[in-house]
Protein backbone atom coordinates (compact mmCIF):
# COMPACT_ATOMS: atom_id res chain seq x y z
CA MET A 1 -128.93 -15.17 83.56
CA PRO A 2 -131.70 -14.29 85.27
CA ASP A 3 -131.49 -14.06 88.69
CA LYS A 4 -127.44 -12.38 88.21
CA PRO A 5 -127.76 -8.08 89.50
CA TYR A 6 -127.56 -5.48 87.21
CA TYR A 7 -124.67 -4.56 89.22
CA GLU A 8 -122.75 -7.11 91.64
CA GLN A 9 -122.07 -4.05 93.22
CA HIS A 10 -123.71 -0.61 93.86
CA VAL A 11 -121.69 2.21 95.51
CA PHE A 12 -123.50 5.54 96.59
CA ILE A 13 -122.04 8.35 97.98
CA CYS A 14 -123.59 10.65 99.65
CA THR A 15 -123.58 14.49 97.80
CA ASN A 16 -126.34 16.11 99.98
CA GLN A 17 -125.99 19.57 100.12
CA ARG A 18 -128.13 21.63 102.98
CA ASP A 19 -129.17 25.18 103.38
CA ASP A 20 -129.69 25.37 107.47
CA GLY A 21 -125.99 24.86 108.61
CA ARG A 22 -126.07 21.35 109.67
CA PRO A 23 -123.10 18.93 108.73
CA CYS A 24 -123.51 17.73 104.99
CA CYS A 25 -121.29 15.74 102.53
CA ALA A 26 -120.85 17.74 100.70
CA ASP A 27 -119.35 19.93 102.91
CA ARG A 28 -116.88 17.21 103.09
CA GLY A 29 -115.20 16.81 99.85
CA ALA A 30 -118.28 14.02 98.41
CA ILE A 31 -118.68 15.00 94.96
CA GLU A 32 -115.20 15.37 94.32
CA ALA A 33 -115.03 11.62 96.31
CA GLN A 34 -117.06 10.67 93.67
CA THR A 35 -115.43 11.49 90.80
CA HIS A 36 -112.53 10.25 92.16
CA ALA A 37 -113.93 6.64 92.67
CA LYS A 38 -116.03 7.03 88.97
CA ARG A 39 -112.46 7.34 87.60
CA ARG A 40 -111.01 4.72 89.99
CA LEU A 41 -113.20 1.86 88.96
CA LYS A 42 -113.06 2.91 85.42
CA ALA A 43 -108.87 2.94 84.84
CA LEU A 44 -109.96 -1.06 86.98
CA ASP A 45 -112.29 -2.15 84.27
CA MET A 46 -114.39 -2.57 87.20
CA ASN A 47 -117.30 -0.14 85.92
CA GLY A 48 -120.66 -1.04 84.08
CA GLN A 49 -122.84 -3.79 83.51
CA GLY A 50 -122.63 -6.73 86.36
CA LYS A 51 -119.91 -5.04 87.45
CA VAL A 52 -119.70 -2.23 89.86
CA ARG A 53 -121.89 1.04 89.36
CA ILE A 54 -120.34 4.54 92.24
CA ASN A 55 -123.46 6.79 92.07
CA LYS A 56 -124.20 11.02 93.72
CA SER A 57 -127.12 9.79 96.38
CA GLY A 58 -129.43 12.41 98.23
CA CYS A 59 -129.28 12.43 101.59
CA LEU A 60 -128.69 9.44 103.25
CA ASP A 61 -129.77 10.47 106.39
CA ARG A 62 -125.66 10.46 108.58
CA CYS A 63 -124.62 13.12 107.70
CA GLU A 64 -123.36 13.93 110.91
CA GLU A 65 -121.33 10.60 110.71
CA GLY A 66 -120.07 11.88 106.96
CA PRO A 67 -118.92 12.35 104.82
CA VAL A 68 -120.70 8.72 104.14
CA MET A 69 -121.05 5.87 101.51
CA VAL A 70 -122.80 2.58 101.96
CA ILE A 71 -121.67 -0.84 99.45
CA TYR A 72 -124.95 -2.63 98.53
CA PRO A 73 -125.91 -5.24 97.89
CA GLN A 74 -124.14 -6.46 101.66
CA GLY A 75 -125.03 -3.21 103.60
CA THR A 76 -121.80 -1.82 104.15
CA TRP A 77 -121.44 2.16 105.32
CA TYR A 78 -118.35 3.69 105.45
CA THR A 79 -116.40 7.24 106.24
CA TYR A 80 -113.57 9.55 104.07
CA VAL A 81 -111.27 11.18 104.98
CA ASP A 82 -109.83 11.29 101.39
CA ASN A 83 -108.72 9.90 98.17
CA HIS A 84 -106.18 7.11 99.66
CA ASP A 85 -109.10 6.24 102.03
CA ILE A 86 -110.98 6.15 98.47
CA ASP A 87 -108.66 4.31 97.21
CA GLU A 88 -108.36 2.15 100.12
CA ILE A 89 -112.42 0.91 99.77
CA ILE A 90 -112.88 0.26 96.14
CA ASP A 91 -109.29 -1.79 96.32
CA GLU A 92 -110.28 -3.94 100.26
CA HIS A 93 -113.91 -4.28 99.66
CA ILE A 94 -114.71 -3.52 96.08
CA VAL A 95 -112.34 -5.52 94.64
CA LYS A 96 -111.26 -8.20 97.48
CA GLY A 97 -114.62 -8.24 99.51
CA ASN A 98 -112.90 -7.22 102.88
CA ILE A 99 -114.29 -5.02 105.43
CA VAL A 100 -112.35 -1.80 105.77
CA GLU A 101 -113.14 -1.52 109.30
CA ARG A 102 -111.63 1.57 110.49
CA LEU A 103 -113.25 3.60 108.05
CA LYS A 104 -117.33 1.64 108.99
CA ILE A 105 -119.25 3.52 110.40
């Protein structure tokens, strides 16, 4: 199927580290969150071609609202506090297709 995307959904989690004292996602647990999200998707057998890809990203330019992630193709932006929030985003948005309004930015 040539029109089918390589990944059904692509998640970018900002892991940017700033050295100038401004807020950054790396200082708010983003690297750990990205690792957790990758493990969770593997456990659900939802990672890989035709499924979902979780990527670290550089600055997404919304660090003041962070930590942040964006899910494509929908282009939905989220913030999160801990792994429970990450799990809710995975369970509701990625698995069920529902926007998690309380975490949306």
